[in-house]
Amino acid sequence: SNTMTMPEMSHRAVDLGESWRYKLRIEPCYGKEKVRAHELVDRPILCSGTVIGTRDGMRRFLSVLVDEFRTNNARGPSCRSPTMTDQWTMNYLYYKGKFGFVRNTKTLPWGTGPVLTVGKPCVNSAMGKNRTSQKDMMVFHEDSGLILNPHERDGSIARVAPTLHQWDRCSNWINPWFREHKQLYMRKDRPEDEPAVTWVESN
């Protein structure tokens, strides 16, 4: 998924062309001539933590990304981790068309699809780094306690957000919601005590 909002909320989008983090990581490795801001205007930042696909699709995606990491490791320190990270390498490869044709690799606007990045409202630098900022972008269903995808229509299979990503980044207002609806979201007494990936716990 990506960080692009709907047209009427363009001031809340996160533009890759304006991201100093992207330039800081990418330019030393690939060079300024390959990282041109005008080519990235209105290009949303893609989140490497929300990539999903078929088995074959993920193999194809990861093979491109891993091969690039190996190539970059041979280029020198400015191209190696932690200077270069999966997030910015993936964005560079995607917008250079390295993952294949659009029919094979697609992105979805924020607030739609199978993954809702809850952290997005809290990281827009235009609004200031405020963990309570832009809460109005979220849609909470008061009766059920569920969190909805803001830009999915009623009746859509993805209207209820199937997966919540980076919820802890908005802890000031998401944690009280979790506590109020503990039966849906929590097994521990506090949200911060919840295991990160419960499905890999050993018995």
C-alpha atoms as a PDB file:
ATOM      1  CA  SER A   1       0.000   0.000   0.000  1.00  0.00           C
ATOM      2  CA  ASN A   2       1.084   3.598  -0.277  1.00  0.00           C
ATOM      3  CA  THR A   3       0.691   6.877   1.576  1.00  0.00           C
ATOM      4  CA  MET A   4      -1.364   8.678  -1.051  1.00  0.00           C
ATOM      5  CA  THR A   5      -4.712  10.001   0.110  1.00  0.00           C
ATOM      6  CA  MET A   6      -7.772  10.811  -1.958  1.00  0.00           C
ATOM      7  CA  PRO A   7      -7.707  13.960  -4.187  1.00  0.00           C
ATOM      8  CA  GLU A   8      -9.698  16.043  -1.743  1.00  0.00           C
ATOM      9  CA  MET A   9      -7.034  15.380   0.914  1.00  0.00           C
ATOM     10  CA  SER A  10      -3.940  16.079  -1.191  1.00  0.00           C
ATOM     11  CA  HIS A  11      -2.416  18.295   1.495  1.00  0.00           C
ATOM     12  CA  ARG A  12      -2.183  15.190   3.675  1.00  0.00           C
ATOM     13  CA  ALA A  13      -0.248  13.092   1.190  1.00  0.00           C
ATOM     14  CA  VAL A  14       3.395  12.146   1.713  1.00  0.00           C
ATOM     15  CA  ASP A  15       5.295  13.003  -1.469  1.00  0.00           C
ATOM     16  CA  LEU A  16       8.408  10.981  -2.270  1.00  0.00           C
ATOM     17  CA  GLY A  17       9.852  13.859  -4.271  1.00  0.00           C
ATOM     18  CA  GLU A  18       9.824  16.035  -1.154  1.00  0.00           C
ATOM     19  CA  SER A  19      11.198  13.372   1.191  1.00  0.00           C
ATOM     20  CA  TRP A  20      14.620  14.304   2.511  1.00  0.00           C
ATOM     21  CA  ARG A  21      14.927  10.812   3.939  1.00  0.00           C
ATOM     22  CA  TYR A  22      14.600   9.295   0.476  1.00  0.00           C
ATOM     23  CA  LYS A  23      17.206  11.624  -1.019  1.00  0.00           C
ATOM     24  CA  LEU A  24      19.549  11.141   1.940  1.00  0.00           C
ATOM     25  CA  ARG A  25      19.531   7.358   1.474  1.00  0.00           C
ATOM     26  CA  ILE A  26      19.309   7.058  -2.294  1.00  0.00           C
ATOM     27  CA  GLU A  27      21.489   9.835  -3.731  1.00  0.00           C
ATOM     28  CA  PRO A  28      24.837   8.710  -2.220  1.00  0.00           C
ATOM     29  CA  CYS A  29      24.364   5.268  -3.732  1.00  0.00           C
ATOM     30  CA  TYR A  30      22.721   5.829  -7.112  1.00  0.00           C
ATOM     31  CA  GLY A  31      23.747   9.420  -7.785  1.00  0.00           C
ATOM     32  CA  LYS A  32      21.710  12.602  -8.192  1.00  0.00           C
ATOM     33  CA  GLU A  33      21.255  12.055 -11.924  1.00  0.00           C
ATOM     34  CA  LYS A  34      19.158   8.965 -11.174  1.00  0.00           C
ATOM     35  CA  VAL A  35      17.209  10.508  -8.301  1.00  0.00           C
ATOM     36  CA  ARG A  36      15.465  13.422  -9.934  1.00  0.00           C
ATOM     37  CA  ALA A  37      12.872  15.179  -7.836  1.00  0.00           C
ATOM     38  CA  HIS A  38      10.726  16.179 -10.820  1.00  0.00           C
ATOM     39  CA  GLU A  39      10.285  12.499 -11.710  1.00  0.00           C
ATOM     40  CA  LEU A  40       8.889  11.799  -8.238  1.00  0.00           C
ATOM     41  CA  VAL A  41       6.454  14.689  -7.858  1.00  0.00           C
ATOM     42  CA  ASP A  42       3.119  13.365  -6.575  1.00  0.00           C
ATOM     43  CA  ARG A  43       4.618   9.894  -6.179  1.00  0.00           C
ATOM     44  CA  PRO A  44       3.513   8.465  -2.842  1.00  0.00           C
ATOM     45  CA  ILE A  45       5.933   6.743  -0.517  1.00  0.00           C
ATOM     46  CA  LEU A  46       5.416   2.988  -0.551  1.00  0.00           C
ATOM     47  CA  CYS A  47       5.636   1.042   2.680  1.00  0.00           C
ATOM     48  CA  SER A  48       7.757  -2.095   2.549  1.00  0.00           C
ATOM     49  CA  GLY A  49       5.914  -3.454   5.583  1.00  0.00           C
ATOM     50  CA  THR A  50       2.629  -3.788   3.683  1.00  0.00           C
ATOM     51  CA  VAL A  51       3.634  -5.827   0.638  1.00  0.00           C
ATOM     52  CA  ILE A  52       1.426  -8.842   0.003  1.00  0.00           C
ATOM     53  CA  GLY A  53       0.886 -11.149  -2.942  1.00  0.00           C
ATOM     54  CA  THR A  54       0.721 -14.664  -4.261  1.00  0.00           C
ATOM     55  CA  ARG A  55       3.539 -17.112  -3.571  1.00  0.00           C
ATOM     56  CA  ASP A  56       4.974 -16.608  -7.067  1.00  0.00           C
ATOM     57  CA  GLY A  57       4.455 -12.860  -6.877  1.00  0.00           C
ATOM     58  CA  MET A  58       6.294 -12.551  -3.567  1.00  0.00           C
ATOM     59  CA  ARG A  59       9.148 -14.681  -4.854  1.00  0.00           C
ATOM     60  CA  ARG A  60       9.471 -12.431  -7.881  1.00  0.00           C
ATOM     61  CA  PHE A  61       9.286  -9.281  -5.755  1.00  0.00           C
ATOM     62  CA  LEU A  62      11.808 -10.510  -3.191  1.00  0.00           C
ATOM     63  CA  SER A  63      14.219 -11.806  -5.810  1.00  0.00           C
ATOM     64  CA  VAL A  64      14.441  -8.327  -7.347  1.00  0.00           C
ATOM     65  CA  LEU A  65      14.865  -6.672  -3.943  1.00  0.00           C
ATOM     66  CA  VAL A  66      17.442  -9.168  -2.633  1.00  0.00           C
ATOM     67  CA  ASP A  67      19.442  -9.059  -5.868  1.00  0.00           C
ATOM     68  CA  GLU A  68      19.576  -5.272  -5.580  1.00  0.00           C
ATOM     69  CA  PHE A  69      20.806  -5.533  -1.981  1.00  0.00           C
ATOM     70  CA  ARG A  70      23.585  -7.868  -3.083  1.00  0.00           C
ATOM     71  CA  THR A  71      24.571  -5.552  -5.920  1.00  0.00           C
ATOM     72  CA  ASN A  72      24.545  -2.574  -3.585  1.00  0.00           C
ATOM     73  CA  ASN A  73      26.718  -4.345  -1.016  1.00  0.00           C
ATOM     74  CA  ALA A  74      29.420  -4.623  -3.665  1.00  0.00           C
ATOM     75  CA  ARG A  75      29.212  -0.899  -4.464  1.00  0.00           C
ATOM     76  CA  GLY A  76      30.571   0.240  -1.131  1.00  0.00           C
ATOM     77  CA  PRO A  77      29.513   1.627   2.282  1.00  0.00           C
ATOM     78  CA  SER A  78      27.124   4.281   0.936  1.00  0.00           C
ATOM     79  CA  CYS A  79      25.020   1.533  -0.664  1.00  0.00           C
ATOM     80  CA  ARG A  80      24.999  -0.882   2.249  1.00  0.00           C
ATOM     81  CA  SER A  81      22.680  -1.225   5.213  1.00  0.00           C
ATOM     82  CA  PRO A  82      22.041   0.680   7.425  1.00  0.00           C
ATOM     83  CA  THR A  83      22.670   3.605   5.032  1.00  0.00           C
ATOM     84  CA  MET A  84      20.465   1.941   2.433  1.00  0.00           C
ATOM     85  CA  THR A  85      17.323   0.298   3.766  1.00  0.00           C
ATOM     86  CA  ASP A  86      14.664  -1.968   2.326  1.00  0.00           C
ATOM     87  CA  GLN A  87      12.112   0.859   2.370  1.00  0.00           C
ATOM     88  CA  TRP A  88      13.995   3.304   0.159  1.00  0.00           C
ATOM     89  CA  THR A  89      15.529   0.645  -2.066  1.00  0.00           C
ATOM     90  CA  MET A  90      12.060  -0.739  -2.729  1.00  0.00           C
ATOM     91  CA  ASN A  91      10.683   2.710  -3.586  1.00  0.00           C
ATOM     92  CA  TYR A  92      13.575   3.354  -5.961  1.00  0.00           C
ATOM     93  CA  LEU A  93      13.081  -0.004  -7.718  1.00  0.00           C
ATOM     94  CA  TYR A  94       9.312   0.347  -7.979  1.00  0.00           C
ATOM     95  CA  TYR A  95       9.380   3.786  -9.602  1.00  0.00           C
ATOM     96  CA  LYS A  96      12.120   2.641 -11.962  1.00  0.00           C
ATOM     97  CA  GLY A  97       9.825  -0.182 -13.085  1.00  0.00           C
ATOM     98  CA  LYS A  98      12.085  -2.950 -11.835  1.00  0.00           C
ATOM     99  CA  PHE A  99       9.285  -5.074 -10.401  1.00  0.00           C
ATOM    100  CA  GLY A 100       7.588  -5.579 -13.737  1.00  0.00           C
ATOM    101  CA  PHE A 101       4.531  -4.299 -15.538  1.00  0.00           C
ATOM    102  CA  VAL A 102       1.717  -2.572 -13.633  1.00  0.00           C
ATOM    103  CA  ARG A 103      -0.583  -5.505 -14.255  1.00  0.00           C
ATOM    104  CA  ASN A 104       1.749  -7.589 -12.093  1.00  0.00           C
ATOM    105  CA  THR A 105       2.703  -5.090  -9.388  1.00  0.00           C
ATOM    106  CA  LYS A 106       0.187  -2.533  -8.172  1.00  0.00           C
ATOM    107  CA  THR A 107      -0.184  -0.092  -5.305  1.00  0.00           C
ATOM    108  CA  LEU A 108      -3.303   0.938  -3.435  1.00  0.00           C
ATOM    109  CA  PRO A 109      -4.104   4.358  -1.942  1.00  0.00           C
ATOM    110  CA  TRP A 110      -4.034   4.733   1.805  1.00  0.00           C
ATOM    111  CA  GLY A 111      -7.345   3.835   3.424  1.00  0.00           C
ATOM    112  CA  THR A 112      -8.199   1.084   0.934  1.00  0.00           C
ATOM    113  CA  GLY A 113      -7.389  -2.585   0.518  1.00  0.00           C
ATOM    114  CA  PRO A 114      -6.247  -5.308   2.900  1.00  0.00           C
ATOM    115  CA  VAL A 115      -3.834  -3.253   5.040  1.00  0.00           C
ATOM    116  CA  LEU A 116      -4.589   0.012   6.832  1.00  0.00           C
ATOM    117  CA  THR A 117      -1.458   1.836   7.997  1.00  0.00           C
ATOM    118  CA  VAL A 118      -2.764   3.463  11.145  1.00  0.00           C
ATOM    119  CA  GLY A 119       0.568   5.244  11.626  1.00  0.00           C
ATOM    120  CA  LYS A 120       0.127   7.363   8.502  1.00  0.00           C
ATOM    121  CA  PRO A 121      -1.960  10.109  10.174  1.00  0.00           C
ATOM    122  CA  CYS A 122       0.790  10.595  12.765  1.00  0.00           C
ATOM    123  CA  VAL A 123       3.800  11.005  10.477  1.00  0.00           C
ATOM    124  CA  ASN A 124       2.857  13.779   8.059  1.00  0.00           C
ATOM    125  CA  SER A 125       5.522  16.440   8.577  1.00  0.00           C
ATOM    126  CA  ALA A 126       3.224  19.105   7.149  1.00  0.00           C
ATOM    127  CA  MET A 127       1.001  18.689  10.189  1.00  0.00           C
ATOM    128  CA  GLY A 128       3.894  18.477  12.631  1.00  0.00           C
ATOM    129  CA  LYS A 129       5.101  15.310  14.305  1.00  0.00           C
ATOM    130  CA  ASN A 130       2.224  14.949  16.703  1.00  0.00           C
ATOM    131  CA  ARG A 131       0.907  11.602  17.857  1.00  0.00           C
ATOM    132  CA  THR A 132      -2.589  13.040  18.071  1.00  0.00           C
ATOM    133  CA  SER A 133      -2.511  14.752  14.676  1.00  0.00           C
ATOM    134  CA  GLN A 134      -4.924  13.931  11.881  1.00  0.00           C
ATOM    135  CA  LYS A 135      -7.005  11.533  13.943  1.00  0.00           C
ATOM    136  CA  ASP A 136      -9.960  12.724  11.887  1.00  0.00           C
ATOM    137  CA  MET A 137      -8.567  10.743   8.940  1.00  0.00           C
ATOM    138  CA  MET A 138      -9.553   7.540  10.744  1.00  0.00           C
ATOM    139  CA  VAL A 139     -13.015   5.976  10.861  1.00  0.00           C
ATOM    140  CA  PHE A 140     -14.012   4.227  14.083  1.00  0.00           C
ATOM    141  CA  HIS A 141     -17.234   2.234  14.177  1.00  0.00           C
ATOM    142  CA  GLU A 142     -18.672   3.073  17.573  1.00  0.00           C
ATOM    143  CA  ASP A 143     -21.176   0.223  17.770  1.00  0.00           C
ATOM    144  CA  SER A 144     -18.885  -2.666  16.822  1.00  0.00           C
ATOM    145  CA  GLY A 145     -15.538  -1.259  17.936  1.00  0.00           C
ATOM    146  CA  LEU A 146     -14.032  -2.042  14.536  1.00  0.00           C
ATOM    147  CA  ILE A 147     -11.727   0.275  12.602  1.00  0.00           C
ATOM    148  CA  LEU A 148     -12.800   0.943   9.025  1.00  0.00           C
ATOM    149  CA  ASN A 149     -10.920   1.706   5.844  1.00  0.00           C
ATOM    150  CA  PRO A 150     -11.792   5.393   5.294  1.00  0.00           C
ATOM    151  CA  HIS A 151     -11.983   5.170   1.508  1.00  0.00           C
ATOM    152  CA  GLU A 152     -13.767   1.855   1.081  1.00  0.00           C
ATOM    153  CA  ARG A 153     -17.494   2.019   0.419  1.00  0.00           C
ATOM    154  CA  ASP A 154     -20.063   0.451   2.714  1.00  0.00           C
ATOM    155  CA  GLY A 155     -20.531  -3.144   1.631  1.00  0.00           C
ATOM    156  CA  SER A 156     -16.980  -3.475   0.331  1.00  0.00           C
ATOM    157  CA  ILE A 157     -15.159  -6.628   1.436  1.00  0.00           C
ATOM    158  CA  ALA A 158     -12.403  -4.355   2.757  1.00  0.00           C
ATOM    159  CA  ARG A 159     -14.631  -1.779   4.461  1.00  0.00           C
ATOM    160  CA  VAL A 160     -13.555  -3.196   7.820  1.00  0.00           C
ATOM    161  CA  ALA A 161      -9.765  -2.915   7.815  1.00  0.00           C
ATOM    162  CA  PRO A 162      -8.523  -6.539   7.712  1.00  0.00           C
ATOM    163  CA  THR A 163      -5.037  -5.652   9.009  1.00  0.00           C
ATOM    164  CA  LEU A 164      -3.857  -2.725  11.145  1.00  0.00           C
ATOM    165  CA  HIS A 165      -0.271  -1.633  10.477  1.00  0.00           C
ATOM    166  CA  GLN A 166       1.870   0.674  12.666  1.00  0.00           C
ATOM    167  CA  TRP A 167      -0.944   1.234  15.128  1.00  0.00           C
ATOM    168  CA  ASP A 168       1.578   1.873  17.917  1.00  0.00           C
ATOM    169  CA  ARG A 169       2.752   5.093  16.245  1.00  0.00           C
ATOM    170  CA  CYS A 170      -0.555   6.721  17.158  1.00  0.00           C
ATOM    171  CA  SER A 171      -0.603   5.313  20.671  1.00  0.00           C
ATOM    172  CA  ASN A 172      -2.095   8.425  22.294  1.00  0.00           C
ATOM    173  CA  TRP A 173      -5.460   7.813  20.656  1.00  0.00           C
ATOM    174  CA  ILE A 174      -5.341   4.205  19.461  1.00  0.00           C
ATOM    175  CA  ASN A 175      -4.476   2.664  22.838  1.00  0.00           C
ATOM    176  CA  PRO A 176      -7.594   4.040  24.570  1.00  0.00           C
ATOM    177  CA  TRP A 177      -9.691   2.627  21.708  1.00  0.00           C
ATOM    178  CA  PHE A 178      -8.064  -0.782  22.140  1.00  0.00           C
ATOM    179  CA  ARG A 179      -8.689  -0.704  25.881  1.00  0.00           C
ATOM    180  CA  GLU A 180     -12.328   0.234  25.340  1.00  0.00           C
ATOM    181  CA  HIS A 181     -12.724  -2.724  22.961  1.00  0.00           C
ATOM    182  CA  LYS A 182     -10.327  -5.122  24.623  1.00  0.00           C
ATOM    183  CA  GLN A 183     -12.222  -8.212  23.501  1.00  0.00           C
ATOM    184  CA  LEU A 184     -11.392  -7.371  19.876  1.00  0.00           C
ATOM    185  CA  TYR A 185      -7.790  -6.267  20.100  1.00  0.00           C
ATOM    186  CA  MET A 186      -6.080  -7.374  23.287  1.00  0.00           C
ATOM    187  CA  ARG A 187      -5.113 -10.382  25.316  1.00  0.00           C
ATOM    188  CA  LYS A 188      -2.875  -8.470  27.711  1.00  0.00           C
ATOM    189  CA  ASP A 189      -3.804  -5.702  30.122  1.00  0.00           C
ATOM    190  CA  ARG A 190      -1.964  -3.041  28.114  1.00  0.00           C
ATOM    191  CA  PRO A 191      -1.635  -2.633  24.322  1.00  0.00           C
ATOM    192  CA  GLU A 192       2.120  -2.118  24.631  1.00  0.00           C
ATOM    193  CA  ASP A 193       2.417  -5.591  26.190  1.00  0.00           C
ATOM    194  CA  GLU A 194       0.851  -7.336  23.225  1.00  0.00           C
ATOM    195  CA  PRO A 195       3.244  -9.622  21.313  1.00  0.00           C
ATOM    196  CA  ALA A 196       4.170  -8.220  17.910  1.00  0.00           C
ATOM    197  CA  VAL A 197       3.466 -11.391  15.939  1.00  0.00           C
ATOM    198  CA  THR A 198       1.312 -13.762  17.940  1.00  0.00           C
ATOM    199  CA  TRP A 199       1.256 -16.438  15.257  1.00  0.00           C
ATOM    200  CA  VAL A 200       4.928 -17.310  15.783  1.00  0.00           C
ATOM    201  CA  GLU A 201       4.651 -17.909  19.497  1.00  0.00           C
ATOM    202  CA  SER A 202       5.842 -21.309  20.617  1.00  0.00           C
ATOM    203  CA  ASN A 203       3.819 -23.441  23.012  1.00  0.00           C
END
